N, C-alpha and C. Protein backbone atom coordinates (compact mmCIF):
# COMPACT_ATOMS: atom_id res chain seq x y z
N MET A 1 -1.78 -12.89 -18.55
CA MET A 1 -1.41 -11.62 -19.40
C MET A 1 -0.31 -12.02 -20.74
N ALA A 2 -0.61 -11.10 -21.54
CA ALA A 2 0.09 -11.50 -22.87
C ALA A 2 1.58 -11.27 -22.42
N ASP A 3 2.44 -12.09 -23.24
CA ASP A 3 4.02 -12.09 -23.19
C ASP A 3 4.38 -11.05 -24.04
N TRP A 4 4.38 -9.74 -23.83
CA TRP A 4 4.71 -8.78 -24.58
C TRP A 4 6.12 -8.84 -25.26
N GLY A 5 6.90 -9.24 -24.15
CA GLY A 5 8.42 -9.76 -24.59
C GLY A 5 8.86 -10.46 -25.83
N ALA A 6 7.60 -11.25 -26.17
CA ALA A 6 7.73 -12.23 -27.38
C ALA A 6 7.54 -11.39 -28.30
N ASN A 7 7.23 -10.30 -28.43
CA ASN A 7 6.82 -9.79 -29.84
C ASN A 7 8.02 -9.14 -30.38
N VAL A 8 7.85 -9.10 -31.59
CA VAL A 8 9.35 -8.51 -32.22
C VAL A 8 8.54 -7.52 -33.29
N VAL A 9 8.94 -6.31 -33.30
CA VAL A 9 8.25 -5.33 -34.10
C VAL A 9 9.36 -4.78 -35.02
N GLU A 10 8.92 -4.89 -36.15
CA GLU A 10 9.85 -4.65 -37.47
C GLU A 10 9.90 -3.29 -37.49
N SER A 11 11.17 -2.73 -37.97
CA SER A 11 11.23 -1.26 -38.03
C SER A 11 12.21 -0.84 -39.23
N SER A 12 12.00 0.40 -39.63
CA SER A 12 12.89 0.76 -41.03
C SER A 12 14.35 1.28 -40.49
N GLU A 13 14.83 0.41 -39.66
CA GLU A 13 16.25 0.90 -39.23
C GLU A 13 17.27 0.58 -40.27
N ALA A 14 18.24 1.25 -40.48
CA ALA A 14 19.34 0.86 -41.48
C ALA A 14 19.74 -0.64 -41.51
N GLY A 15 19.61 -1.11 -43.09
CA GLY A 15 19.93 -2.37 -43.09
C GLY A 15 18.78 -3.04 -43.29
N GLY A 16 17.51 -2.84 -42.81
CA GLY A 16 16.17 -3.28 -42.62
C GLY A 16 16.26 -4.41 -41.32
N ALA A 17 17.49 -4.45 -40.58
CA ALA A 17 17.04 -5.17 -39.38
C ALA A 17 15.95 -5.08 -38.50
N PRO A 18 15.47 -5.88 -38.01
CA PRO A 18 14.27 -5.84 -37.12
C PRO A 18 14.59 -5.06 -35.67
N ALA A 19 13.72 -4.62 -35.04
CA ALA A 19 14.11 -3.78 -33.82
C ALA A 19 14.05 -4.90 -32.71
N PRO A 20 14.91 -4.64 -31.71
CA PRO A 20 14.89 -5.74 -30.70
C PRO A 20 13.57 -6.03 -29.88
N PRO A 21 13.35 -6.95 -29.26
CA PRO A 21 12.03 -7.36 -28.72
C PRO A 21 11.56 -6.24 -27.66
N LEU A 22 10.22 -5.97 -27.63
CA LEU A 22 9.65 -5.26 -26.81
C LEU A 22 9.47 -5.92 -25.33
N ARG A 23 10.52 -5.84 -24.47
CA ARG A 23 10.35 -6.40 -23.32
C ARG A 23 9.71 -5.54 -22.21
N PHE A 24 8.58 -5.56 -22.39
CA PHE A 24 7.83 -4.58 -21.41
C PHE A 24 6.53 -5.60 -21.00
N ARG A 25 6.59 -6.22 -19.91
CA ARG A 25 5.53 -6.97 -19.41
C ARG A 25 4.12 -6.46 -18.73
N SER A 26 3.64 -5.70 -19.46
CA SER A 26 2.59 -5.06 -18.79
C SER A 26 1.72 -4.31 -19.60
N ARG A 27 0.42 -4.14 -19.51
CA ARG A 27 -0.75 -3.48 -20.36
C ARG A 27 -0.66 -2.04 -20.04
N ARG A 28 -0.11 -1.69 -19.09
CA ARG A 28 0.01 -0.19 -18.65
C ARG A 28 1.27 0.70 -18.71
N SER A 29 1.49 1.48 -19.35
CA SER A 29 2.78 2.25 -19.65
C SER A 29 2.97 3.06 -18.13
N PRO A 30 4.41 2.97 -17.56
CA PRO A 30 4.51 3.69 -16.74
C PRO A 30 4.25 5.21 -16.75
N VAL A 31 3.98 6.01 -15.59
CA VAL A 31 3.85 7.42 -15.83
C VAL A 31 5.10 8.31 -15.64
N LEU A 32 5.28 8.85 -16.50
CA LEU A 32 6.70 9.68 -16.36
C LEU A 32 6.39 11.21 -16.62
N ALA A 33 7.01 12.09 -15.59
CA ALA A 33 6.98 13.31 -15.77
C ALA A 33 8.08 14.05 -15.43
N PRO A 34 8.24 15.10 -16.18
CA PRO A 34 9.63 15.80 -15.88
C PRO A 34 9.65 16.61 -14.53
N THR A 35 8.61 17.06 -14.07
CA THR A 35 8.67 17.88 -13.16
C THR A 35 8.03 17.59 -11.83
N ALA A 36 6.74 16.73 -11.92
CA ALA A 36 6.12 16.68 -10.92
C ALA A 36 4.91 15.55 -11.02
N CYS A 37 4.15 14.93 -10.24
CA CYS A 37 3.42 13.84 -10.40
C CYS A 37 2.44 13.90 -9.40
N VAL A 38 1.23 13.76 -9.73
CA VAL A 38 0.04 13.40 -8.50
C VAL A 38 -0.62 12.28 -8.88
N SER A 39 -0.70 11.64 -7.81
CA SER A 39 -1.34 10.02 -7.85
C SER A 39 -2.34 9.86 -6.89
N SER A 40 -3.60 9.40 -7.04
CA SER A 40 -4.54 9.16 -5.79
C SER A 40 -5.41 8.23 -6.39
N SER A 41 -6.50 7.58 -5.68
CA SER A 41 -7.59 6.76 -5.97
C SER A 41 -8.61 7.43 -6.69
N GLN A 42 -8.60 8.56 -6.88
CA GLN A 42 -9.78 9.31 -7.45
C GLN A 42 -9.32 10.36 -8.53
N PRO A 43 -9.90 10.45 -9.57
CA PRO A 43 -9.53 11.57 -10.60
C PRO A 43 -9.63 12.91 -9.99
N LEU A 44 -10.88 13.21 -9.22
CA LEU A 44 -11.11 14.44 -8.96
C LEU A 44 -9.81 14.91 -7.77
N ALA A 45 -9.82 14.05 -7.17
CA ALA A 45 -8.45 14.42 -5.94
C ALA A 45 -7.20 14.59 -6.61
N THR A 46 -6.94 13.76 -7.58
CA THR A 46 -5.73 13.93 -8.41
C THR A 46 -5.68 15.47 -9.03
N ALA A 47 -7.02 15.73 -9.72
CA ALA A 47 -6.88 16.89 -10.47
C ALA A 47 -6.76 18.26 -9.48
N ALA A 48 -7.18 17.89 -8.23
CA ALA A 48 -7.15 18.88 -7.30
C ALA A 48 -5.46 19.28 -6.97
N GLY A 49 -4.82 18.18 -6.81
CA GLY A 49 -3.36 18.25 -6.66
C GLY A 49 -2.56 19.09 -7.59
N VAL A 50 -2.98 18.52 -9.05
CA VAL A 50 -2.59 19.18 -10.07
C VAL A 50 -2.71 20.51 -10.20
N HIS A 51 -3.94 21.17 -10.04
CA HIS A 51 -4.34 22.37 -9.90
C HIS A 51 -3.50 23.03 -8.98
N VAL A 52 -3.20 22.87 -7.65
CA VAL A 52 -2.50 23.30 -6.84
C VAL A 52 -1.06 23.50 -7.43
N LEU A 53 -0.53 22.55 -7.88
CA LEU A 53 0.83 22.63 -8.58
C LEU A 53 0.90 23.73 -9.56
N ARG A 54 -0.18 23.41 -10.58
CA ARG A 54 0.17 24.23 -11.71
C ARG A 54 -0.45 25.63 -11.59
N ALA A 55 -1.52 25.57 -11.01
CA ALA A 55 -2.35 27.16 -11.50
C ALA A 55 -1.95 27.97 -9.99
N LEU A 56 -1.79 27.41 -8.84
CA LEU A 56 -1.59 28.20 -7.64
C LEU A 56 -0.09 28.20 -7.37
N GLY A 57 0.89 27.33 -7.95
CA GLY A 57 2.39 27.19 -7.64
C GLY A 57 2.70 26.95 -6.19
N GLY A 58 1.75 25.72 -5.87
CA GLY A 58 2.09 25.05 -4.52
C GLY A 58 3.02 24.08 -4.83
N ASN A 59 3.60 23.35 -3.52
CA ASN A 59 4.56 22.40 -3.80
C ASN A 59 3.92 21.06 -3.58
N ALA A 60 4.70 19.89 -3.25
CA ALA A 60 4.23 18.60 -2.91
C ALA A 60 3.13 18.84 -1.80
N ALA A 61 3.84 19.28 -0.62
CA ALA A 61 2.84 19.30 0.52
C ALA A 61 1.65 20.04 0.17
N ASP A 62 1.66 21.28 -0.24
CA ASP A 62 0.44 21.85 -0.26
C ASP A 62 -0.41 20.88 -1.17
N ALA A 63 0.03 20.16 -2.30
CA ALA A 63 -1.01 19.45 -3.14
C ALA A 63 -1.42 18.11 -2.49
N ALA A 64 -0.42 17.42 -1.42
CA ALA A 64 -0.95 16.64 -0.65
C ALA A 64 -2.01 16.66 0.21
N VAL A 65 -2.17 18.13 0.60
CA VAL A 65 -3.34 18.40 1.52
C VAL A 65 -4.49 18.65 0.80
N ALA A 66 -4.46 19.08 -0.28
CA ALA A 66 -5.64 19.34 -1.22
C ALA A 66 -6.25 18.03 -1.67
N VAL A 67 -5.37 16.93 -2.10
CA VAL A 67 -5.70 15.64 -2.47
C VAL A 67 -6.36 14.95 -1.24
N ALA A 68 -5.90 14.91 -0.08
CA ALA A 68 -6.55 14.40 1.04
C ALA A 68 -7.81 14.93 1.41
N ALA A 69 -7.92 16.16 1.35
CA ALA A 69 -9.32 16.81 1.53
C ALA A 69 -10.44 16.24 0.62
N VAL A 70 -9.94 16.46 -0.72
CA VAL A 70 -10.85 15.97 -1.66
C VAL A 70 -11.46 14.42 -1.38
N LEU A 71 -10.27 13.44 -1.18
CA LEU A 71 -10.55 12.29 -0.82
C LEU A 71 -11.74 11.93 0.29
N SER A 72 -11.47 12.97 1.21
CA SER A 72 -12.33 13.02 2.41
C SER A 72 -13.97 13.11 1.93
N VAL A 73 -14.09 13.75 0.74
CA VAL A 73 -15.42 14.20 0.43
C VAL A 73 -15.80 13.26 -0.57
N VAL A 74 -14.85 12.78 -1.61
CA VAL A 74 -15.60 11.73 -2.68
C VAL A 74 -15.38 10.25 -2.48
N GLU A 75 -14.74 10.26 -1.37
CA GLU A 75 -14.29 8.75 -0.96
C GLU A 75 -14.22 8.35 0.46
N PRO A 76 -15.41 8.98 1.01
CA PRO A 76 -15.51 8.94 2.60
C PRO A 76 -15.32 7.43 3.23
N CYS A 77 -15.60 6.58 2.21
CA CYS A 77 -15.73 5.20 2.77
C CYS A 77 -14.42 4.48 2.85
N SER A 78 -13.34 5.35 2.38
CA SER A 78 -11.86 4.82 2.67
C SER A 78 -11.00 6.02 3.69
N THR A 79 -11.47 7.20 3.65
CA THR A 79 -10.65 8.08 4.31
C THR A 79 -11.64 9.33 4.53
N GLY A 80 -11.21 10.07 5.67
CA GLY A 80 -11.75 11.24 6.01
C GLY A 80 -10.85 12.04 6.91
N LEU A 81 -11.55 13.29 7.48
CA LEU A 81 -11.16 14.19 8.37
C LEU A 81 -10.98 13.54 9.71
N GLY A 82 -11.95 12.75 9.95
CA GLY A 82 -12.00 12.15 11.18
C GLY A 82 -10.96 11.01 11.60
N GLY A 83 -10.19 10.82 10.56
CA GLY A 83 -9.28 9.47 10.74
C GLY A 83 -7.89 9.92 11.06
N ASP A 84 -7.06 9.24 10.44
CA ASP A 84 -5.48 9.36 10.44
C ASP A 84 -4.82 10.14 9.44
N MET A 85 -3.72 10.42 9.54
CA MET A 85 -2.77 10.99 8.42
C MET A 85 -1.43 10.65 8.57
N PHE A 86 -0.69 9.91 7.60
CA PHE A 86 0.58 10.00 7.60
C PHE A 86 1.21 10.15 6.31
N ALA A 87 2.40 10.65 6.42
CA ALA A 87 3.30 11.27 5.46
C ALA A 87 4.74 11.04 5.54
N LEU A 88 5.33 10.85 4.26
CA LEU A 88 6.73 10.71 3.99
C LEU A 88 7.16 11.92 3.20
N TYR A 89 8.16 12.69 3.55
CA TYR A 89 8.54 13.88 2.62
C TYR A 89 9.91 13.97 2.20
N HIS A 90 10.24 13.98 0.87
CA HIS A 90 11.68 13.97 0.56
C HIS A 90 11.85 15.25 0.03
N ASP A 91 12.96 15.80 0.82
CA ASP A 91 13.35 17.16 0.47
C ASP A 91 14.66 17.23 -0.43
N ALA A 92 14.44 17.35 -1.83
CA ALA A 92 15.20 17.19 -2.82
C ALA A 92 16.71 17.93 -2.72
N ALA A 93 16.53 19.16 -1.87
CA ALA A 93 17.72 19.87 -1.64
C ALA A 93 18.61 19.31 -0.70
N LYS A 94 18.30 18.82 0.45
CA LYS A 94 18.62 18.29 1.67
C LYS A 94 18.90 16.90 1.29
N LYS A 95 18.32 16.20 0.25
CA LYS A 95 18.11 14.94 0.17
C LYS A 95 17.88 13.96 1.61
N THR A 96 17.06 14.28 2.30
CA THR A 96 16.63 13.79 3.45
C THR A 96 15.07 13.35 3.25
N VAL A 97 14.50 12.27 4.12
CA VAL A 97 13.26 12.07 4.12
C VAL A 97 12.90 12.16 5.60
N THR A 98 11.82 12.77 5.68
CA THR A 98 11.13 12.85 7.01
C THR A 98 9.88 12.55 7.13
N ALA A 99 9.18 12.00 8.25
CA ALA A 99 7.81 11.55 8.32
C ALA A 99 7.07 12.13 9.36
N ILE A 100 5.94 11.97 9.27
CA ILE A 100 4.91 12.86 9.87
C ILE A 100 3.60 11.79 10.44
N ASN A 101 3.54 11.44 11.96
CA ASN A 101 2.68 10.54 12.13
C ASN A 101 1.42 11.14 12.68
N GLY A 102 0.57 11.18 12.06
CA GLY A 102 -1.00 11.63 12.39
C GLY A 102 -1.74 10.94 12.72
N SER A 103 -1.39 9.53 13.23
CA SER A 103 -2.59 8.61 13.57
C SER A 103 -3.06 9.03 14.93
N GLY A 104 -4.43 8.94 14.96
CA GLY A 104 -5.33 8.84 16.04
C GLY A 104 -4.88 8.16 17.35
N ARG A 105 -5.27 8.79 18.34
CA ARG A 105 -4.73 8.16 19.60
C ARG A 105 -6.33 7.78 20.46
N ALA A 106 -6.14 6.63 21.49
CA ALA A 106 -7.06 6.25 22.08
C ALA A 106 -7.63 7.22 23.05
N PRO A 107 -8.88 7.46 23.25
CA PRO A 107 -9.41 8.64 24.33
C PRO A 107 -8.69 8.34 25.73
N ILE A 108 -8.45 9.31 26.32
CA ILE A 108 -7.73 9.10 27.63
C ILE A 108 -8.68 8.28 28.62
N GLY A 109 -9.83 8.40 28.61
CA GLY A 109 -10.74 7.82 29.63
C GLY A 109 -11.07 6.28 29.19
N LEU A 110 -10.67 5.75 27.86
CA LEU A 110 -11.13 4.38 27.61
C LEU A 110 -9.89 3.41 28.15
N THR A 111 -10.46 2.43 29.24
CA THR A 111 -9.64 1.66 29.88
C THR A 111 -10.07 0.10 29.62
N LEU A 112 -9.55 -0.84 29.75
CA LEU A 112 -10.07 -2.03 29.83
C LEU A 112 -11.20 -2.28 30.65
N GLY A 113 -11.26 -1.81 31.93
CA GLY A 113 -12.32 -1.92 32.61
C GLY A 113 -13.70 -1.22 32.11
N VAL A 114 -13.51 -0.28 31.22
CA VAL A 114 -14.78 0.20 30.69
C VAL A 114 -15.25 -0.70 29.65
N LEU A 115 -14.20 -1.26 28.93
CA LEU A 115 -14.60 -2.27 27.82
C LEU A 115 -15.12 -3.61 28.24
N ARG A 116 -14.44 -4.07 29.41
CA ARG A 116 -15.34 -5.14 29.87
C ARG A 116 -16.64 -5.04 30.41
N LYS A 117 -16.79 -3.59 30.79
CA LYS A 117 -18.15 -3.59 31.36
C LYS A 117 -19.10 -3.24 30.26
N ASP A 118 -18.72 -2.45 29.06
CA ASP A 118 -19.54 -2.13 27.91
C ASP A 118 -19.56 -3.52 26.97
N PHE A 119 -18.35 -4.18 26.95
CA PHE A 119 -18.74 -5.40 25.97
C PHE A 119 -18.29 -6.76 26.65
N PRO A 120 -18.84 -7.11 27.41
CA PRO A 120 -18.49 -8.54 28.28
C PRO A 120 -18.39 -9.72 27.32
N ASP A 121 -17.35 -10.48 27.55
CA ASP A 121 -17.72 -11.68 26.83
C ASP A 121 -16.84 -12.74 27.58
N GLU A 122 -17.04 -13.39 28.60
CA GLU A 122 -16.53 -14.67 29.34
C GLU A 122 -15.87 -15.68 28.74
N ASN A 123 -16.03 -15.62 27.38
CA ASN A 123 -15.39 -16.77 26.55
C ASN A 123 -14.02 -16.22 25.93
N THR A 124 -13.39 -15.07 25.95
CA THR A 124 -12.47 -14.48 25.52
C THR A 124 -11.15 -14.39 26.98
N THR A 125 -9.84 -14.53 26.38
CA THR A 125 -8.99 -14.21 27.36
C THR A 125 -9.03 -12.94 27.84
N THR A 126 -9.41 -11.81 27.19
CA THR A 126 -9.48 -10.38 27.61
C THR A 126 -10.82 -9.87 28.43
N GLY A 127 -11.75 -11.12 28.18
CA GLY A 127 -13.20 -10.54 28.58
C GLY A 127 -13.98 -9.67 28.07
N ILE A 128 -13.59 -9.34 26.83
CA ILE A 128 -14.05 -8.53 25.81
C ILE A 128 -14.43 -8.89 24.33
N SER A 129 -15.72 -8.59 24.27
CA SER A 129 -16.08 -9.19 22.73
C SER A 129 -15.67 -7.87 21.85
N SER A 130 -14.55 -8.64 20.97
CA SER A 130 -14.10 -7.71 20.11
C SER A 130 -15.02 -7.33 18.94
N ASP A 131 -15.87 -8.18 18.75
CA ASP A 131 -16.84 -7.98 17.67
C ASP A 131 -17.89 -7.12 17.94
N ARG A 132 -18.00 -6.87 19.01
CA ARG A 132 -19.26 -5.70 19.70
C ARG A 132 -18.38 -4.33 19.45
N PHE A 133 -17.20 -4.59 20.03
CA PHE A 133 -16.23 -3.24 20.23
C PHE A 133 -16.17 -2.53 19.20
N ARG A 134 -15.75 -3.50 17.90
CA ARG A 134 -15.17 -3.02 16.62
C ARG A 134 -16.06 -2.17 16.03
N THR A 135 -17.63 -2.07 16.14
CA THR A 135 -18.21 -1.20 15.54
C THR A 135 -18.95 -0.19 16.57
N SER A 136 -18.39 -0.13 17.60
CA SER A 136 -18.85 0.77 18.67
C SER A 136 -18.22 2.13 18.62
N ALA A 137 -18.76 3.23 19.41
CA ALA A 137 -17.99 4.48 19.43
C ALA A 137 -16.80 4.43 20.06
N HIS A 138 -16.62 3.49 21.09
CA HIS A 138 -15.17 3.21 21.54
C HIS A 138 -14.03 3.20 20.75
N ALA A 139 -14.36 2.67 19.49
CA ALA A 139 -13.40 2.12 18.62
C ALA A 139 -12.69 3.24 17.64
N VAL A 140 -13.36 4.19 17.95
CA VAL A 140 -13.01 5.50 17.17
C VAL A 140 -11.89 6.36 17.91
N THR A 141 -10.83 6.33 17.35
CA THR A 141 -10.03 7.01 18.04
C THR A 141 -9.92 8.73 18.01
N VAL A 142 -8.87 9.59 18.82
CA VAL A 142 -9.23 10.97 18.50
C VAL A 142 -8.70 11.30 17.47
N PRO A 143 -9.13 12.00 16.22
CA PRO A 143 -8.64 11.99 15.15
C PRO A 143 -7.37 12.67 14.92
N GLY A 144 -6.32 12.52 14.12
CA GLY A 144 -4.99 12.93 13.95
C GLY A 144 -4.90 13.63 12.49
N ALA A 145 -5.72 13.45 11.66
CA ALA A 145 -5.60 13.91 10.23
C ALA A 145 -5.32 15.43 10.40
N ALA A 146 -6.53 16.02 10.75
CA ALA A 146 -6.35 17.56 10.67
C ALA A 146 -5.13 18.13 11.33
N ALA A 147 -4.40 17.46 12.42
CA ALA A 147 -3.31 18.21 12.94
C ALA A 147 -2.32 17.89 12.06
N GLY A 148 -2.40 16.66 11.38
CA GLY A 148 -1.26 16.17 10.59
C GLY A 148 -0.92 17.06 9.40
N TRP A 149 -2.26 17.39 8.63
CA TRP A 149 -2.24 18.35 7.83
C TRP A 149 -1.67 19.68 8.37
N GLU A 150 -1.93 20.18 9.22
CA GLU A 150 -1.43 21.51 9.71
C GLU A 150 0.04 21.20 9.72
N ASP A 151 0.61 20.23 10.31
CA ASP A 151 1.79 20.00 10.63
C ASP A 151 2.75 19.57 9.20
N LEU A 152 2.27 19.22 8.45
CA LEU A 152 2.79 18.90 7.18
C LEU A 152 3.10 20.32 6.26
N LEU A 153 2.03 21.23 6.42
CA LEU A 153 2.20 22.57 5.73
C LEU A 153 3.10 23.31 6.79
N GLY A 154 3.08 23.38 7.86
CA GLY A 154 4.00 24.12 8.89
C GLY A 154 5.39 23.80 8.65
N ARG A 155 5.77 22.30 8.31
CA ARG A 155 7.04 21.73 7.91
C ARG A 155 7.81 22.00 6.67
N HIS A 156 6.64 21.58 5.83
CA HIS A 156 7.03 21.55 4.42
C HIS A 156 6.30 22.34 3.29
N GLY A 157 5.40 22.84 3.87
CA GLY A 157 4.46 23.72 2.78
C GLY A 157 5.11 25.00 2.00
N SER A 158 4.55 25.43 1.26
CA SER A 158 5.30 26.50 0.13
C SER A 158 5.25 27.84 1.24
N GLY A 159 4.37 27.76 1.94
CA GLY A 159 4.05 29.22 2.63
C GLY A 159 3.42 30.16 1.87
N THR A 160 2.99 29.89 0.52
CA THR A 160 2.26 30.95 -0.16
C THR A 160 0.72 30.69 -0.37
N LEU A 161 0.30 29.64 0.23
CA LEU A 161 -1.26 29.30 0.09
C LEU A 161 -1.70 28.92 1.62
N THR A 162 -2.83 29.46 1.91
CA THR A 162 -3.60 29.27 3.01
C THR A 162 -4.42 27.77 3.25
N MET A 163 -4.62 27.35 4.42
CA MET A 163 -5.51 26.19 4.62
C MET A 163 -6.61 26.21 3.73
N ALA A 164 -7.21 27.70 3.73
CA ALA A 164 -8.62 27.77 2.88
C ALA A 164 -8.32 27.74 1.75
N GLU A 165 -7.41 28.11 0.91
CA GLU A 165 -7.13 27.77 -0.45
C GLU A 165 -6.98 26.44 -0.96
N LEU A 166 -6.36 25.48 0.17
CA LEU A 166 -6.08 24.15 -0.21
C LEU A 166 -7.40 23.29 -0.17
N LEU A 167 -8.03 23.90 0.69
CA LEU A 167 -9.68 23.11 0.96
C LEU A 167 -10.60 23.54 0.00
N ARG A 168 -10.35 24.46 -0.69
CA ARG A 168 -11.40 24.99 -1.72
C ARG A 168 -11.95 23.78 -2.75
N PRO A 169 -11.12 23.06 -3.29
CA PRO A 169 -11.70 22.23 -4.43
C PRO A 169 -12.40 21.20 -3.66
N ALA A 170 -12.31 20.96 -2.41
CA ALA A 170 -13.07 19.98 -1.69
C ALA A 170 -14.27 20.45 -1.21
N VAL A 171 -14.35 21.80 -0.73
CA VAL A 171 -15.39 22.60 -0.69
C VAL A 171 -16.50 22.52 -1.56
N ASP A 172 -15.89 22.64 -2.87
CA ASP A 172 -16.72 22.97 -3.99
C ASP A 172 -17.52 21.92 -4.32
N LEU A 173 -16.53 20.66 -4.26
CA LEU A 173 -17.19 19.20 -4.57
C LEU A 173 -18.40 19.22 -3.63
N ALA A 174 -18.09 19.21 -2.39
CA ALA A 174 -19.27 19.23 -1.21
C ALA A 174 -20.22 19.90 -1.56
N GLU A 175 -20.45 21.16 -1.91
CA GLU A 175 -21.35 22.07 -2.17
C GLU A 175 -22.11 21.93 -3.31
N ARG A 176 -21.46 21.31 -4.32
CA ARG A 176 -22.12 21.22 -5.68
C ARG A 176 -22.33 19.90 -6.19
N GLY A 177 -21.54 19.03 -5.63
CA GLY A 177 -21.97 17.44 -5.86
C GLY A 177 -20.75 16.87 -6.71
N PHE A 178 -20.88 15.81 -6.95
CA PHE A 178 -20.08 14.93 -7.74
C PHE A 178 -20.20 13.48 -8.33
N PRO A 179 -19.67 13.30 -9.53
CA PRO A 179 -19.98 11.71 -9.62
C PRO A 179 -19.45 10.64 -8.82
N VAL A 180 -20.14 9.61 -8.77
CA VAL A 180 -19.47 8.80 -7.65
C VAL A 180 -19.13 7.33 -8.60
N GLY A 181 -17.86 6.75 -8.81
CA GLY A 181 -17.70 5.60 -9.61
C GLY A 181 -18.40 4.35 -8.90
N PRO A 182 -18.40 3.51 -9.82
CA PRO A 182 -19.06 2.18 -9.45
C PRO A 182 -18.42 1.25 -8.03
N VAL A 183 -17.08 1.52 -8.10
CA VAL A 183 -16.21 0.95 -6.94
C VAL A 183 -16.54 1.58 -5.65
N THR A 184 -16.47 2.64 -5.97
CA THR A 184 -16.77 3.66 -4.49
C THR A 184 -18.21 3.42 -4.06
N ALA A 185 -18.90 3.57 -5.16
CA ALA A 185 -20.78 3.41 -4.60
C ALA A 185 -20.46 2.09 -4.21
N HIS A 186 -19.89 1.07 -4.69
CA HIS A 186 -20.08 -0.47 -3.97
C HIS A 186 -19.75 -0.13 -2.31
N PHE A 187 -18.38 0.01 -2.14
CA PHE A 187 -18.25 0.23 -0.81
C PHE A 187 -18.75 1.16 -0.03
N TRP A 188 -18.94 2.44 -0.57
CA TRP A 188 -19.93 3.48 0.17
C TRP A 188 -21.23 2.82 0.74
N ARG A 189 -21.83 2.10 -0.02
CA ARG A 189 -23.20 1.26 0.01
C ARG A 189 -22.94 0.30 1.23
N ARG A 190 -21.78 -0.51 1.00
CA ARG A 190 -21.67 -1.80 1.84
C ARG A 190 -21.50 -1.23 3.48
N GLY A 191 -20.78 0.41 3.51
CA GLY A 191 -20.67 0.76 4.87
C GLY A 191 -21.99 1.34 5.53
N MET A 192 -23.11 1.61 4.68
CA MET A 192 -24.14 2.37 5.17
C MET A 192 -24.93 1.55 6.45
N PRO A 193 -25.00 0.17 6.53
CA PRO A 193 -25.65 -0.29 7.65
C PRO A 193 -24.93 0.19 8.94
N LEU A 194 -23.71 0.29 8.97
CA LEU A 194 -22.82 0.53 10.29
C LEU A 194 -23.26 2.00 10.70
N ILE A 195 -23.57 2.68 9.59
CA ILE A 195 -23.85 4.27 9.78
C ILE A 195 -25.43 4.34 10.39
N ARG A 196 -26.32 3.59 9.66
CA ARG A 196 -27.56 3.63 10.31
C ARG A 196 -27.72 3.20 11.59
N GLN A 197 -26.74 2.30 12.15
CA GLN A 197 -27.15 1.64 13.35
C GLN A 197 -27.00 2.71 14.65
N TRP A 198 -26.67 3.97 14.42
CA TRP A 198 -26.78 4.91 15.23
C TRP A 198 -28.03 5.50 15.29
N GLY A 199 -28.93 5.21 14.55
CA GLY A 199 -30.53 5.83 14.69
C GLY A 199 -30.54 6.95 13.45
N PRO A 200 -31.77 7.43 13.13
CA PRO A 200 -32.14 8.38 12.18
C PRO A 200 -31.77 9.66 12.53
N GLY A 201 -31.60 10.49 11.87
CA GLY A 201 -31.38 12.09 12.35
C GLY A 201 -32.75 12.64 12.68
N PRO A 202 -32.88 13.98 12.70
CA PRO A 202 -33.87 14.62 13.15
C PRO A 202 -35.19 14.67 11.92
N ASP A 203 -34.55 14.53 10.66
CA ASP A 203 -35.73 14.28 9.62
C ASP A 203 -35.83 13.11 9.15
N GLY A 204 -35.58 11.87 10.24
CA GLY A 204 -35.63 10.65 10.06
C GLY A 204 -34.90 9.93 8.81
N GLY A 205 -34.06 10.83 8.46
CA GLY A 205 -32.95 10.07 7.58
C GLY A 205 -31.67 9.79 8.37
N VAL A 206 -30.83 9.32 7.43
CA VAL A 206 -29.39 9.02 7.92
C VAL A 206 -28.82 10.19 8.60
N PRO A 207 -28.19 10.13 9.78
CA PRO A 207 -27.49 11.26 10.34
C PRO A 207 -26.11 11.74 9.45
């Protein structure tokens, strides 16, 4: 990376003295916003959050749910409604930070005995083949994201927007389609063998 701090920018200051060195060692300027900011790994998801704030008058919690919902559609290789959800919420008025843990839980019927029976491996200390278990249905937790979204809105939402309104951007993208960037396309494609292992759907395609 170039040492931008070594550059001296001339200016027309009084006396013709040069401006002090630009001591900023990055190629990207920081994002500065006077009122609010939305950030995510997908522009479409970020746009949904901004729409909630600007056009719908929602707050940060409302926008977060809209962003998460869109990410579930446009970047399912990284996140989804069937996964987990975590949130840290800062209340500016109270100057407090609260957390919501929407992590998935293991099924109540999943025991070590079941795993040893379905994925036996005598060469491990647990008697379980972790490689086979990792890509099995038993490795899927009970989803916590949906309940986490509800909890976030119930505790910190503006109260002026319904869940249906916040999910609308995600629904529209799912119904109408959307462009997929190269990085997302790569990881999406890389995960397809794991999806195909569960067998074809009724029409012979991927379920």
